[in-house]
Protein backbone atom coordinates (compact mmCIF):
# COMPACT_ATOMS: atom_id res chain seq x y z
CA MET A 1 0.02 0.02 -0.01
CA HIS A 2 1.35 3.44 -0.96
CA ARG A 3 1.91 5.69 2.01
CA SER A 4 1.65 9.46 1.79
CA ARG A 5 2.19 12.14 4.44
CA HIS A 6 -1.21 13.48 3.41
CA ARG A 7 -2.98 10.24 4.29
CA LEU A 8 -5.33 10.19 7.28
CA ARG A 9 -6.51 6.92 8.74
CA HIS A 10 -9.56 6.26 10.78
CA ARG A 11 -10.75 2.82 11.82
CA HIS A 12 -13.93 1.85 13.55
CA ARG A 13 -16.07 -1.23 13.91
CA HIS A 14 -19.79 -1.27 13.40
CA ARG A 15 -22.17 -4.09 14.18
CA HIS A 16 -25.16 -4.31 11.86
CA LYS A 17 -28.38 -5.95 12.95
CA HIS A 18 -28.06 -8.51 10.16
CA LYS A 19 -25.82 -11.58 10.24
CA HIS A 20 -22.92 -9.86 8.49
CA LYS A 21 -20.48 -7.76 10.40
CA HIS A 22 -19.32 -4.58 8.67
CA ARG A 23 -15.83 -3.21 9.30
CA HIS A 24 -14.62 -0.04 7.68
CA GLN A 25 -11.24 1.62 7.22
CA THR A 26 -11.10 5.13 5.89
CA ASN A 27 -8.15 6.70 4.01
CA VAL A 28 -7.93 10.17 2.52
CA CYS A 29 -5.57 10.60 -0.40
CA TYR A 30 -4.90 13.88 -2.19
CA ARG A 31 -3.94 13.83 -5.83
CA ARG A 32 -0.47 15.31 -6.18
CA GLY A 33 -1.31 17.18 -9.38
CA SER A 34 -3.80 19.38 -7.54
CA ILE A 35 -1.57 21.85 -5.78
CA SER A 36 -3.92 24.78 -6.34
CA PRO A 37 -5.32 26.11 -3.05
CA LEU A 38 -8.68 26.50 -4.84
CA ALA A 39 -8.97 22.78 -5.73
CA PRO A 40 -11.55 20.91 -3.64
CA LYS A 41 -10.37 19.71 -0.23
CA LEU A 42 -11.90 16.46 1.06
CA GLU A 43 -12.27 15.36 4.66
CA ALA A 44 -12.17 11.69 5.67
CA PRO A 45 -15.26 9.90 4.33
CA THR A 46 -17.61 8.31 6.85
CA ILE A 47 -19.76 5.19 6.63
CA THR A 48 -22.98 4.92 8.60
CA ALA A 49 -25.56 2.12 8.71
CA ILE A 50 -29.08 3.59 8.60
CA ASP A 51 -32.18 1.76 9.82
CA SER A 52 -35.15 3.15 7.94
CA PRO A 53 -38.82 2.17 7.58
CA ASP A 54 -38.18 2.17 3.81
CA GLY A 55 -35.31 -0.35 4.23
CA ASP A 56 -31.85 -0.38 5.74
CA PHE A 57 -28.91 1.09 3.85
CA ILE A 58 -25.35 2.25 4.23
CA LEU A 59 -24.54 5.93 3.76
CA LEU A 60 -21.05 7.01 2.66
CA GLN A 61 -20.44 10.74 3.07
CA CYS A 62 -17.55 13.05 2.34
CA ARG A 63 -17.39 16.74 3.25
CA ILE A 64 -15.80 18.84 0.50
CA SER A 65 -14.50 22.40 0.78
CA SER A 66 -14.85 24.19 -2.53
CA ASP A 67 -15.77 27.76 -3.54
CA THR A 68 -18.03 26.39 -6.28
CA GLU A 69 -20.12 23.22 -6.44
CA PRO A 70 -17.70 20.45 -7.38
CA GLU A 71 -18.35 17.71 -9.92
CA VAL A 72 -18.45 14.56 -7.80
CA ASN A 73 -18.08 10.91 -8.85
CA TRP A 74 -18.07 7.78 -6.71
CA THR A 75 -16.39 4.50 -7.73
CA HIS A 76 -16.36 0.99 -6.27
CA LEU A 77 -13.35 -1.14 -7.16
CA GLU A 78 -12.54 1.42 -9.89
CA ASP A 79 -16.00 1.10 -11.54
CA ARG A 80 -18.01 4.32 -11.62
CA ILE A 81 -21.22 4.13 -9.59
CA LYS A 82 -24.38 5.32 -11.26
CA ASN A 83 -27.79 5.83 -9.71
CA ASP A 84 -29.90 2.68 -9.89
CA SER A 85 -32.28 0.67 -7.69
CA ARG A 86 -29.58 0.07 -5.07
CA HIS A 87 -27.30 3.13 -5.40
CA LYS A 88 -28.09 6.80 -5.02
CA THR A 89 -25.47 9.58 -5.31
CA TYR A 90 -26.05 13.24 -4.67
CA VAL A 91 -24.30 16.43 -3.48
CA LYS A 92 -25.83 18.98 -1.17
CA LYS A 93 -24.68 22.27 0.29
CA GLU A 94 -23.98 22.18 4.01
CA GLY A 95 -22.87 25.47 5.59
CA ASP A 96 -19.79 26.67 3.74
CA ALA A 97 -19.01 23.25 2.25
CA TRP A 98 -20.55 20.50 0.10
CA LEU A 99 -21.54 17.03 1.25
CA ALA A 100 -21.07 14.19 -1.27
CA ASN A 101 -23.36 11.25 -0.48
CA LEU A 102 -23.60 7.65 -1.64
CA GLU A 103 -26.48 5.49 -0.40
CA ILE A 104 -26.30 1.70 -0.91
CA LYS A 105 -29.41 -0.42 -0.21
CA ASP A 106 -29.63 -4.16 0.33
CA ILE A 107 -25.93 -4.67 1.25
CA VAL A 108 -24.36 -7.92 0.06
CA ARG A 109 -20.80 -9.29 0.31
CA LYS A 110 -19.88 -8.02 -3.16
CA ASP A 111 -20.37 -4.45 -1.83
CA ALA A 112 -17.18 -4.82 0.23
CA GLY A 113 -14.05 -3.17 -1.09
CA LYS A 114 -12.57 0.15 -2.02
CA TYR A 115 -14.85 3.15 -2.60
CA SER A 116 -13.43 6.41 -3.93
CA VAL A 117 -14.97 9.85 -4.15
CA ARG A 118 -13.47 12.32 -6.61
CA ALA A 119 -14.28 16.05 -6.46
CA LYS A 120 -13.35 18.34 -9.32
CA ASN A 121 -13.70 22.05 -9.97
CA ALA A 122 -12.07 24.49 -12.40
CA ALA A 123 -8.95 24.74 -10.19
CA GLY A 124 -8.25 21.00 -9.90
CA GLU A 125 -9.40 17.75 -8.35
CA ASN A 126 -8.78 15.57 -5.32
CA PHE A 127 -10.04 12.24 -4.12
CA ALA A 128 -10.58 10.24 -0.97
CA THR A 129 -11.03 6.48 -0.44
CA VAL A 130 -12.81 4.33 2.07
CA PHE A 131 -12.48 0.57 2.42
CA SER A 132 -15.51 -1.42 3.53
CA TYR A 133 -15.12 -4.97 4.78
CA ILE A 134 -18.02 -7.38 5.39
CA GLU A 135 -17.26 -10.31 7.65
């Protein structure tokens, strides 16, 4: 695994009410080509299990500092995630920042792995990754 002085690690365990145990490790990586101070800055993504009357899901969120609304894309194992019956991506303004969201319904073992969020504006782009493990 590549180590960078800009990498932040956060580990936590989460017990889900289903049979599977979910364990998550979060890494933030900044693209070296984006040295502009106006490029989006990403905080460590978080993963939260949500119990809802409409069905349980996992919410991945990443807070992004950017003067303008960034273009945001999520990937899972390097494949771009598009909105469908199980996945929902959206960005919303929160205070002086933007919140990138990915909701995943009906979690299965194949949902484990590396998720990346990439934020881009006219000044540059950065990305952050989170690793989700299902035991």
